[in-house]
Amino acid sequence: MSGETRKWDIRPERPADAAAVEALVSNVFGPGRFAKSAYRLRERVGPEHALSFIAVEDGILRGSIRFWPIFVGVQPALLLGPLAVQADQRGRGIGIELMQRGIEEAKALGHRVILLVGDEPYYARVGFAPLPNSVRFPGPVDRNRILGLALVNGALDALQGNIICRFT
C-alpha cells in the first residue's frame, strides 16, 4: 500500500449484495473459473454466510471474500475463495484486509483450518503455507498452490485425506 489512507469499509455481505459480488467475481476471474477444481467443490454447497465479506468505498464494491465448508478426510475445514478485488484497485491492501477479517471471524467462530488454492507469496502475508502431500485436492490442481492456515496451534499437523465439500 503506497502511503494512501484507507478509504474503504469491510462489512458482512448481505443478500442484496449477491448480484454485485457475482459480477465482480465474473469480471475478475472470467468464465474459465467454473472449470477449476476449487469451483467444482463449491457447486453443491453454499458459502458460510457469517464469513462472507465485502469491501465498499464510496458506495462501490471494491472486493469480496467467501469461505466454504469442506472436509479434509474427516476433519472439518474451510475453503477460502474466491477472493476478488477490482483489477484497478489491486495493491491497495483491500484483499489482505478482507482475508484478515475473514480469518479473525473464522477463528472466533471456532474453525480450526482454512485451505485455499493460490500463490504462496501473496497468501503467506496472512500466514498461509504449503500443505503436505497427504492432503489431496479433487481434480487437477498444482500441488504447490494448495495452501493452509491453522487457526488453532497444531491443527495442520495431522491433516490428511481427500478434500470434499461439507453440506451444512
N, C-alpha and C. Protein backbone atom coordinates (compact mmCIF):
# COMPACT_ATOMS: atom_id res chain seq x y z
N MET A 1 0.85 -1.17 0.00
CA MET A 1 0.00 0.00 0.00
C MET A 1 0.89 1.23 0.00
N SER A 2 0.62 2.16 -0.84
CA SER A 2 1.53 3.27 -1.10
C SER A 2 1.22 4.50 -0.24
N GLY A 3 1.21 4.39 1.07
CA GLY A 3 1.02 5.52 1.94
C GLY A 3 -0.36 6.15 1.84
N GLU A 4 -1.23 5.59 1.06
CA GLU A 4 -2.57 6.14 0.87
C GLU A 4 -3.43 5.81 2.08
N THR A 5 -4.31 6.71 2.44
CA THR A 5 -5.22 6.49 3.54
C THR A 5 -6.31 5.51 3.13
N ARG A 6 -6.59 4.58 4.02
CA ARG A 6 -7.64 3.59 3.76
C ARG A 6 -8.98 4.31 3.64
N LYS A 7 -9.70 4.04 2.56
CA LYS A 7 -10.96 4.73 2.31
C LYS A 7 -12.14 3.77 2.21
N TRP A 8 -11.91 2.48 2.33
CA TRP A 8 -12.98 1.51 2.17
C TRP A 8 -13.42 0.97 3.53
N ASP A 9 -14.61 0.40 3.55
CA ASP A 9 -15.14 -0.27 4.73
C ASP A 9 -15.27 -1.75 4.41
N ILE A 10 -14.99 -2.59 5.38
CA ILE A 10 -15.22 -4.03 5.27
C ILE A 10 -16.49 -4.31 6.06
N ARG A 11 -17.44 -4.96 5.44
CA ARG A 11 -18.67 -5.31 6.14
C ARG A 11 -19.16 -6.68 5.67
N PRO A 12 -20.03 -7.30 6.47
CA PRO A 12 -20.59 -8.59 6.04
C PRO A 12 -21.36 -8.44 4.72
N GLU A 13 -21.24 -9.45 3.89
CA GLU A 13 -22.03 -9.48 2.66
C GLU A 13 -23.49 -9.70 3.03
N ARG A 14 -24.37 -8.97 2.36
CA ARG A 14 -25.81 -9.10 2.57
C ARG A 14 -26.42 -9.78 1.34
N PRO A 15 -27.61 -10.37 1.51
CA PRO A 15 -28.26 -10.99 0.33
C PRO A 15 -28.39 -10.03 -0.85
N ALA A 16 -28.62 -8.76 -0.58
CA ALA A 16 -28.77 -7.78 -1.66
C ALA A 16 -27.46 -7.53 -2.41
N ASP A 17 -26.32 -7.98 -1.85
CA ASP A 17 -25.02 -7.79 -2.49
C ASP A 17 -24.68 -8.90 -3.48
N ALA A 18 -25.43 -9.99 -3.45
CA ALA A 18 -25.06 -11.20 -4.20
C ALA A 18 -24.84 -10.94 -5.69
N ALA A 19 -25.71 -10.20 -6.34
CA ALA A 19 -25.55 -9.95 -7.78
C ALA A 19 -24.29 -9.14 -8.06
N ALA A 20 -24.01 -8.14 -7.24
CA ALA A 20 -22.80 -7.33 -7.44
C ALA A 20 -21.54 -8.16 -7.18
N VAL A 21 -21.58 -9.03 -6.17
CA VAL A 21 -20.43 -9.89 -5.90
C VAL A 21 -20.20 -10.83 -7.07
N GLU A 22 -21.25 -11.43 -7.58
CA GLU A 22 -21.12 -12.35 -8.73
C GLU A 22 -20.56 -11.61 -9.94
N ALA A 23 -21.01 -10.39 -10.18
CA ALA A 23 -20.49 -9.60 -11.30
C ALA A 23 -19.00 -9.30 -11.11
N LEU A 24 -18.60 -8.97 -9.89
CA LEU A 24 -17.19 -8.72 -9.61
C LEU A 24 -16.36 -9.97 -9.85
N VAL A 25 -16.80 -11.09 -9.30
CA VAL A 25 -16.06 -12.36 -9.47
C VAL A 25 -15.98 -12.73 -10.94
N SER A 26 -17.06 -12.56 -11.67
CA SER A 26 -17.06 -12.86 -13.10
C SER A 26 -16.07 -11.98 -13.85
N ASN A 27 -16.05 -10.70 -13.50
CA ASN A 27 -15.13 -9.77 -14.14
C ASN A 27 -13.67 -10.11 -13.82
N VAL A 28 -13.40 -10.48 -12.57
CA VAL A 28 -12.03 -10.76 -12.13
C VAL A 28 -11.51 -12.09 -12.68
N PHE A 29 -12.36 -13.14 -12.63
CA PHE A 29 -11.89 -14.48 -12.96
C PHE A 29 -12.39 -15.03 -14.30
N GLY A 30 -13.43 -14.45 -14.86
CA GLY A 30 -13.94 -14.89 -16.15
C GLY A 30 -14.62 -16.24 -16.10
N PRO A 31 -15.13 -16.69 -17.25
CA PRO A 31 -15.89 -17.94 -17.29
C PRO A 31 -15.04 -19.19 -17.06
N GLY A 32 -13.73 -19.10 -17.26
CA GLY A 32 -12.86 -20.26 -17.05
C GLY A 32 -12.81 -20.72 -15.61
N ARG A 33 -13.29 -19.88 -14.69
CA ARG A 33 -13.24 -20.23 -13.27
C ARG A 33 -14.07 -21.47 -12.96
N PHE A 34 -15.13 -21.70 -13.73
CA PHE A 34 -16.02 -22.82 -13.44
C PHE A 34 -15.37 -24.18 -13.69
N ALA A 35 -14.31 -24.21 -14.46
CA ALA A 35 -13.61 -25.47 -14.73
C ALA A 35 -12.58 -25.81 -13.65
N LYS A 36 -12.27 -24.86 -12.79
CA LYS A 36 -11.25 -25.09 -11.77
C LYS A 36 -11.78 -25.99 -10.66
N SER A 37 -10.89 -26.79 -10.11
CA SER A 37 -11.28 -27.75 -9.07
C SER A 37 -11.92 -27.08 -7.86
N ALA A 38 -11.41 -25.92 -7.45
CA ALA A 38 -11.98 -25.24 -6.28
C ALA A 38 -13.43 -24.85 -6.54
N TYR A 39 -13.73 -24.43 -7.75
CA TYR A 39 -15.11 -24.08 -8.07
C TYR A 39 -16.00 -25.31 -8.11
N ARG A 40 -15.46 -26.40 -8.58
CA ARG A 40 -16.23 -27.65 -8.64
C ARG A 40 -16.66 -28.08 -7.24
N LEU A 41 -15.80 -27.87 -6.25
CA LEU A 41 -16.14 -28.20 -4.86
C LEU A 41 -17.30 -27.35 -4.36
N ARG A 42 -17.39 -26.13 -4.81
CA ARG A 42 -18.39 -25.19 -4.32
C ARG A 42 -19.76 -25.37 -4.98
N GLU A 43 -19.84 -26.18 -6.03
CA GLU A 43 -21.08 -26.29 -6.79
C GLU A 43 -22.27 -26.77 -5.97
N ARG A 44 -22.03 -27.66 -5.04
CA ARG A 44 -23.15 -28.32 -4.36
C ARG A 44 -23.41 -27.79 -2.95
N VAL A 45 -22.75 -26.71 -2.58
CA VAL A 45 -22.88 -26.19 -1.23
C VAL A 45 -22.76 -24.68 -1.25
N GLY A 46 -23.42 -24.01 -0.32
CA GLY A 46 -23.33 -22.56 -0.25
C GLY A 46 -22.19 -22.11 0.64
N PRO A 47 -21.82 -20.84 0.53
CA PRO A 47 -20.75 -20.31 1.38
C PRO A 47 -21.21 -20.20 2.83
N GLU A 48 -20.25 -20.06 3.71
CA GLU A 48 -20.54 -19.77 5.11
C GLU A 48 -20.92 -18.29 5.17
N HIS A 49 -22.21 -18.01 5.32
CA HIS A 49 -22.67 -16.63 5.24
C HIS A 49 -22.05 -15.73 6.31
N ALA A 50 -21.75 -16.28 7.48
CA ALA A 50 -21.12 -15.49 8.54
C ALA A 50 -19.68 -15.12 8.20
N LEU A 51 -19.14 -15.72 7.13
CA LEU A 51 -17.76 -15.47 6.73
C LEU A 51 -17.66 -14.91 5.32
N SER A 52 -18.70 -14.26 4.86
CA SER A 52 -18.70 -13.61 3.55
C SER A 52 -18.65 -12.10 3.78
N PHE A 53 -17.61 -11.46 3.24
CA PHE A 53 -17.40 -10.03 3.47
C PHE A 53 -17.15 -9.29 2.17
N ILE A 54 -17.47 -8.01 2.19
CA ILE A 54 -17.19 -7.17 1.03
C ILE A 54 -16.48 -5.90 1.48
N ALA A 55 -15.73 -5.33 0.56
CA ALA A 55 -15.08 -4.02 0.76
C ALA A 55 -15.84 -3.02 -0.11
N VAL A 56 -16.31 -1.95 0.53
CA VAL A 56 -17.08 -0.92 -0.17
C VAL A 56 -16.40 0.43 0.04
N GLU A 57 -16.29 1.17 -1.04
CA GLU A 57 -15.69 2.51 -0.98
C GLU A 57 -16.58 3.46 -1.78
N ASP A 58 -17.07 4.48 -1.12
CA ASP A 58 -17.95 5.46 -1.77
C ASP A 58 -19.12 4.78 -2.47
N GLY A 59 -19.67 3.74 -1.84
CA GLY A 59 -20.82 3.03 -2.39
C GLY A 59 -20.48 2.05 -3.50
N ILE A 60 -19.20 1.87 -3.79
CA ILE A 60 -18.76 0.98 -4.88
C ILE A 60 -18.13 -0.27 -4.30
N LEU A 61 -18.55 -1.43 -4.79
CA LEU A 61 -17.97 -2.70 -4.36
C LEU A 61 -16.56 -2.80 -4.92
N ARG A 62 -15.57 -2.88 -4.03
CA ARG A 62 -14.17 -2.96 -4.44
C ARG A 62 -13.62 -4.38 -4.35
N GLY A 63 -14.18 -5.19 -3.42
CA GLY A 63 -13.67 -6.54 -3.25
C GLY A 63 -14.63 -7.40 -2.46
N SER A 64 -14.42 -8.71 -2.54
CA SER A 64 -15.25 -9.65 -1.78
C SER A 64 -14.44 -10.90 -1.45
N ILE A 65 -14.90 -11.57 -0.41
CA ILE A 65 -14.30 -12.84 0.00
C ILE A 65 -15.40 -13.73 0.56
N ARG A 66 -15.26 -15.01 0.29
CA ARG A 66 -16.18 -16.01 0.83
C ARG A 66 -15.38 -17.21 1.29
N PHE A 67 -15.95 -17.95 2.22
CA PHE A 67 -15.38 -19.19 2.74
C PHE A 67 -16.43 -20.27 2.61
N TRP A 68 -16.00 -21.49 2.33
CA TRP A 68 -16.91 -22.61 2.06
C TRP A 68 -16.59 -23.78 2.99
N PRO A 69 -17.61 -24.49 3.43
CA PRO A 69 -17.39 -25.64 4.32
C PRO A 69 -16.88 -26.85 3.54
N ILE A 70 -15.78 -27.42 4.03
CA ILE A 70 -15.21 -28.63 3.42
C ILE A 70 -14.78 -29.59 4.52
N PHE A 71 -14.42 -30.78 4.11
CA PHE A 71 -13.74 -31.74 4.96
C PHE A 71 -12.39 -32.03 4.32
N VAL A 72 -11.40 -32.26 5.15
CA VAL A 72 -10.13 -32.83 4.72
C VAL A 72 -10.07 -34.17 5.44
N GLY A 73 -10.33 -35.25 4.70
CA GLY A 73 -10.54 -36.54 5.35
C GLY A 73 -11.79 -36.42 6.21
N VAL A 74 -11.65 -36.57 7.52
CA VAL A 74 -12.81 -36.44 8.41
C VAL A 74 -12.82 -35.12 9.17
N GLN A 75 -11.80 -34.29 8.97
CA GLN A 75 -11.69 -33.03 9.71
C GLN A 75 -12.42 -31.90 8.99
N PRO A 76 -13.35 -31.22 9.67
CA PRO A 76 -13.99 -30.05 9.06
C PRO A 76 -12.95 -28.94 8.85
N ALA A 77 -13.13 -28.20 7.78
CA ALA A 77 -12.23 -27.08 7.46
C ALA A 77 -13.01 -26.08 6.61
N LEU A 78 -12.35 -25.02 6.25
CA LEU A 78 -12.92 -24.01 5.36
C LEU A 78 -12.06 -23.90 4.11
N LEU A 79 -12.69 -23.59 3.00
CA LEU A 79 -12.00 -23.30 1.75
C LEU A 79 -12.21 -21.82 1.46
N LEU A 80 -11.12 -21.07 1.38
CA LEU A 80 -11.19 -19.64 1.12
C LEU A 80 -11.29 -19.42 -0.38
N GLY A 81 -12.20 -18.57 -0.77
CA GLY A 81 -12.27 -18.17 -2.16
C GLY A 81 -13.69 -18.12 -2.69
N PRO A 82 -13.88 -17.42 -3.72
CA PRO A 82 -12.86 -16.58 -4.32
C PRO A 82 -12.64 -15.30 -3.52
N LEU A 83 -11.42 -14.83 -3.57
CA LEU A 83 -11.05 -13.51 -3.09
C LEU A 83 -10.95 -12.66 -4.36
N ALA A 84 -11.83 -11.70 -4.48
CA ALA A 84 -11.87 -10.89 -5.71
C ALA A 84 -11.73 -9.42 -5.37
N VAL A 85 -10.85 -8.74 -6.08
CA VAL A 85 -10.66 -7.30 -5.94
C VAL A 85 -10.65 -6.71 -7.34
N GLN A 86 -11.37 -5.60 -7.52
CA GLN A 86 -11.38 -4.94 -8.83
C GLN A 86 -9.95 -4.77 -9.32
N ALA A 87 -9.73 -5.05 -10.59
CA ALA A 87 -8.39 -5.01 -11.16
C ALA A 87 -7.69 -3.67 -10.92
N ASP A 88 -8.40 -2.57 -11.07
CA ASP A 88 -7.77 -1.26 -10.90
C ASP A 88 -7.61 -0.86 -9.44
N GLN A 89 -8.01 -1.73 -8.52
CA GLN A 89 -7.90 -1.44 -7.09
C GLN A 89 -6.85 -2.32 -6.40
N ARG A 90 -6.22 -3.22 -7.14
CA ARG A 90 -5.24 -4.12 -6.55
C ARG A 90 -4.01 -3.33 -6.08
N GLY A 91 -3.37 -3.85 -5.04
CA GLY A 91 -2.18 -3.21 -4.49
C GLY A 91 -2.48 -2.19 -3.41
N ARG A 92 -3.73 -1.99 -3.09
CA ARG A 92 -4.13 -1.03 -2.06
C ARG A 92 -4.28 -1.68 -0.69
N GLY A 93 -4.30 -3.02 -0.63
CA GLY A 93 -4.46 -3.71 0.65
C GLY A 93 -5.86 -4.23 0.89
N ILE A 94 -6.74 -4.07 -0.07
CA ILE A 94 -8.13 -4.50 0.10
C ILE A 94 -8.21 -6.02 0.29
N GLY A 95 -7.53 -6.78 -0.54
CA GLY A 95 -7.58 -8.24 -0.44
C GLY A 95 -7.01 -8.75 0.87
N ILE A 96 -5.90 -8.18 1.30
CA ILE A 96 -5.29 -8.59 2.57
C ILE A 96 -6.24 -8.29 3.72
N GLU A 97 -6.85 -7.12 3.71
CA GLU A 97 -7.77 -6.77 4.80
C GLU A 97 -9.02 -7.66 4.79
N LEU A 98 -9.52 -7.99 3.61
CA LEU A 98 -10.66 -8.91 3.54
C LEU A 98 -10.28 -10.27 4.15
N MET A 99 -9.09 -10.76 3.81
CA MET A 99 -8.65 -12.05 4.37
C MET A 99 -8.49 -11.95 5.88
N GLN A 100 -7.87 -10.89 6.36
CA GLN A 100 -7.66 -10.75 7.80
C GLN A 100 -8.99 -10.76 8.55
N ARG A 101 -9.97 -10.06 8.01
CA ARG A 101 -11.29 -10.03 8.65
C ARG A 101 -11.91 -11.43 8.65
N GLY A 102 -11.85 -12.11 7.52
CA GLY A 102 -12.41 -13.46 7.44
C GLY A 102 -11.70 -14.43 8.37
N ILE A 103 -10.39 -14.34 8.44
CA ILE A 103 -9.62 -15.22 9.31
C ILE A 103 -9.97 -14.97 10.79
N GLU A 104 -10.05 -13.70 11.17
CA GLU A 104 -10.42 -13.35 12.54
C GLU A 104 -11.79 -13.91 12.90
N GLU A 105 -12.75 -13.73 12.01
CA GLU A 105 -14.11 -14.21 12.27
C GLU A 105 -14.17 -15.74 12.31
N ALA A 106 -13.44 -16.39 11.40
CA ALA A 106 -13.43 -17.86 11.39
C ALA A 106 -12.86 -18.39 12.70
N LYS A 107 -11.81 -17.77 13.17
CA LYS A 107 -11.20 -18.17 14.44
C LYS A 107 -12.18 -17.96 15.59
N ALA A 108 -12.85 -16.81 15.61
CA ALA A 108 -13.82 -16.51 16.66
C ALA A 108 -14.99 -17.49 16.66
N LEU A 109 -15.33 -18.01 15.49
CA LEU A 109 -16.43 -18.98 15.37
C LEU A 109 -16.00 -20.41 15.66
N GLY A 110 -14.72 -20.62 15.97
CA GLY A 110 -14.24 -21.94 16.35
C GLY A 110 -13.73 -22.81 15.23
N HIS A 111 -13.56 -22.26 14.04
CA HIS A 111 -12.99 -23.04 12.95
C HIS A 111 -11.51 -23.29 13.22
N ARG A 112 -10.99 -24.39 12.72
CA ARG A 112 -9.62 -24.79 13.03
C ARG A 112 -8.64 -24.62 11.88
N VAL A 113 -9.12 -24.76 10.64
CA VAL A 113 -8.23 -24.79 9.47
C VAL A 113 -8.90 -24.08 8.30
N ILE A 114 -8.09 -23.34 7.54
CA ILE A 114 -8.54 -22.75 6.27
C ILE A 114 -7.58 -23.21 5.19
N LEU A 115 -8.13 -23.65 4.05
CA LEU A 115 -7.33 -24.04 2.89
C LEU A 115 -7.68 -23.13 1.72
N LEU A 116 -6.80 -23.07 0.75
CA LEU A 116 -7.06 -22.35 -0.48
C LEU A 116 -6.13 -22.85 -1.57
N VAL A 117 -6.44 -22.45 -2.79
CA VAL A 117 -5.56 -22.70 -3.92
C VAL A 117 -5.14 -21.32 -4.42
N GLY A 118 -3.83 -21.03 -4.32
CA GLY A 118 -3.38 -19.71 -4.72
C GLY A 118 -1.87 -19.57 -4.69
N ASP A 119 -1.42 -18.35 -4.91
CA ASP A 119 0.01 -18.04 -4.98
C ASP A 119 0.58 -17.85 -3.58
N GLU A 120 1.54 -18.70 -3.22
CA GLU A 120 2.11 -18.67 -1.86
C GLU A 120 2.66 -17.30 -1.47
N PRO A 121 3.43 -16.59 -2.32
CA PRO A 121 3.99 -15.31 -1.86
C PRO A 121 2.92 -14.31 -1.41
N TYR A 122 1.77 -14.31 -2.06
CA TYR A 122 0.69 -13.39 -1.67
C TYR A 122 0.02 -13.85 -0.38
N TYR A 123 -0.41 -15.09 -0.36
CA TYR A 123 -1.18 -15.58 0.79
C TYR A 123 -0.32 -15.82 2.03
N ALA A 124 0.98 -15.97 1.87
CA ALA A 124 1.88 -16.10 3.02
C ALA A 124 1.85 -14.83 3.88
N ARG A 125 1.46 -13.73 3.30
CA ARG A 125 1.40 -12.46 4.03
C ARG A 125 0.39 -12.50 5.18
N VAL A 126 -0.56 -13.43 5.12
CA VAL A 126 -1.52 -13.61 6.22
C VAL A 126 -1.35 -14.97 6.89
N GLY A 127 -0.25 -15.67 6.58
CA GLY A 127 0.07 -16.89 7.31
C GLY A 127 -0.11 -18.21 6.60
N PHE A 128 -0.59 -18.22 5.35
CA PHE A 128 -0.78 -19.48 4.64
C PHE A 128 0.55 -20.07 4.22
N ALA A 129 0.61 -21.41 4.23
CA ALA A 129 1.82 -22.14 3.85
C ALA A 129 1.43 -23.39 3.08
N PRO A 130 2.35 -23.95 2.29
CA PRO A 130 2.05 -25.19 1.55
C PRO A 130 1.64 -26.32 2.50
N LEU A 131 0.75 -27.16 2.02
CA LEU A 131 0.28 -28.31 2.78
C LEU A 131 1.07 -29.55 2.41
N PRO A 132 1.11 -30.53 3.30
CA PRO A 132 1.81 -31.79 2.97
C PRO A 132 1.07 -32.55 1.87
N ASN A 133 1.79 -33.45 1.23
CA ASN A 133 1.20 -34.25 0.16
C ASN A 133 0.08 -35.16 0.64
N SER A 134 -0.10 -35.29 1.95
CA SER A 134 -1.16 -36.15 2.48
C SER A 134 -2.55 -35.51 2.33
N VAL A 135 -2.59 -34.24 1.91
CA VAL A 135 -3.86 -33.56 1.62
C VAL A 135 -4.06 -33.60 0.12
N ARG A 136 -5.19 -34.19 -0.31
CA ARG A 136 -5.43 -34.39 -1.74
C ARG A 136 -6.66 -33.61 -2.20
N PHE A 137 -6.41 -32.72 -3.13
CA PHE A 137 -7.48 -31.92 -3.73
C PHE A 137 -8.09 -32.71 -4.87
N PRO A 138 -9.41 -32.68 -5.03
CA PRO A 138 -10.00 -33.38 -6.17
C PRO A 138 -9.70 -32.65 -7.47
N GLY A 139 -9.51 -33.38 -8.51
CA GLY A 139 -9.29 -32.77 -9.81
C GLY A 139 -7.88 -32.24 -9.97
N PRO A 140 -7.60 -31.69 -11.13
CA PRO A 140 -6.25 -31.20 -11.41
C PRO A 140 -5.97 -29.89 -10.67
N VAL A 141 -4.94 -29.91 -9.83
CA VAL A 141 -4.50 -28.73 -9.08
C VAL A 141 -2.99 -28.81 -8.95
N ASP A 142 -2.33 -27.70 -9.14
CA ASP A 142 -0.88 -27.63 -8.91
C ASP A 142 -0.64 -27.78 -7.42
N ARG A 143 0.01 -28.84 -6.99
CA ARG A 143 0.25 -29.14 -5.57
C ARG A 143 0.89 -27.96 -4.84
N ASN A 144 1.72 -27.22 -5.53
CA ASN A 144 2.42 -26.10 -4.90
C ASN A 144 1.48 -24.94 -4.56
N ARG A 145 0.27 -24.97 -5.10
CA ARG A 145 -0.68 -23.88 -4.86
C ARG A 145 -1.71 -24.23 -3.79
N ILE A 146 -1.65 -25.44 -3.23
CA ILE A 146 -2.57 -25.82 -2.16
C ILE A 146 -1.95 -25.36 -0.84
N LEU A 147 -2.60 -24.39 -0.21
CA LEU A 147 -2.06 -23.75 0.98
C LEU A 147 -3.02 -23.90 2.15
N GLY A 148 -2.48 -23.86 3.35
CA GLY A 148 -3.30 -23.99 4.54
C GLY A 148 -2.89 -23.02 5.63
N LEU A 149 -3.82 -22.76 6.53
CA LEU A 149 -3.59 -21.90 7.68
C LEU A 149 -4.26 -22.54 8.88
N ALA A 150 -3.50 -22.77 9.93
CA ALA A 150 -4.05 -23.30 11.18
C ALA A 150 -4.57 -22.14 12.02
N LEU A 151 -5.82 -22.24 12.45
CA LEU A 151 -6.39 -21.24 13.33
C LEU A 151 -6.22 -21.64 14.79
N VAL A 152 -5.84 -22.90 14.98
CA VAL A 152 -5.56 -23.47 16.30
C VAL A 152 -4.19 -24.12 16.19
N ASN A 153 -3.34 -23.90 17.16
CA ASN A 153 -2.00 -24.49 17.11
C ASN A 153 -2.07 -25.98 16.86
N GLY A 154 -1.28 -26.46 15.90
CA GLY A 154 -1.20 -27.88 15.59
C GLY A 154 -2.30 -28.42 14.70
N ALA A 155 -3.25 -27.59 14.28
CA ALA A 155 -4.39 -28.08 13.50
C ALA A 155 -3.99 -28.64 12.14
N LEU A 156 -2.86 -28.23 11.59
CA LEU A 156 -2.42 -28.75 10.29
C LEU A 156 -1.60 -30.03 10.43
N ASP A 157 -1.10 -30.31 11.65
CA ASP A 157 -0.16 -31.41 11.85
C ASP A 157 -0.70 -32.77 11.40
N ALA A 158 -1.93 -33.08 11.73
CA ALA A 158 -2.49 -34.39 11.39
C ALA A 158 -3.45 -34.31 10.20
N LEU A 159 -3.43 -33.19 9.49
CA LEU A 159 -4.34 -33.00 8.38
C LEU A 159 -3.97 -33.94 7.24
N GLN A 160 -4.92 -34.80 6.85
CA GLN A 160 -4.66 -35.71 5.73
C GLN A 160 -5.98 -36.19 5.15
N GLY A 161 -5.93 -36.56 3.89
CA GLY A 161 -7.10 -37.13 3.24
C GLY A 161 -7.56 -36.29 2.05
N ASN A 162 -8.66 -36.73 1.50
CA ASN A 162 -9.25 -36.06 0.35
C ASN A 162 -10.06 -34.84 0.81
N ILE A 163 -10.02 -33.79 0.03
CA ILE A 163 -10.83 -32.61 0.28
C ILE A 163 -12.17 -32.82 -0.41
N ILE A 164 -13.24 -32.71 0.36
CA ILE A 164 -14.60 -32.84 -0.18
C ILE A 164 -15.47 -31.72 0.38
N CYS A 165 -16.59 -31.43 -0.29
CA CYS A 165 -17.48 -30.39 0.22
C CYS A 165 -18.20 -30.94 1.45
N ARG A 166 -18.59 -30.01 2.32
CA ARG A 166 -19.30 -30.36 3.55
C ARG A 166 -20.65 -29.67 3.48
N PHE A 167 -21.71 -30.44 3.44
CA PHE A 167 -23.03 -29.87 3.39
C PHE A 167 -23.42 -29.36 4.78
N THR A 168 -23.95 -28.14 4.81
CA THR A 168 -24.32 -27.55 6.10
C THR A 168 -25.81 -27.55 6.29
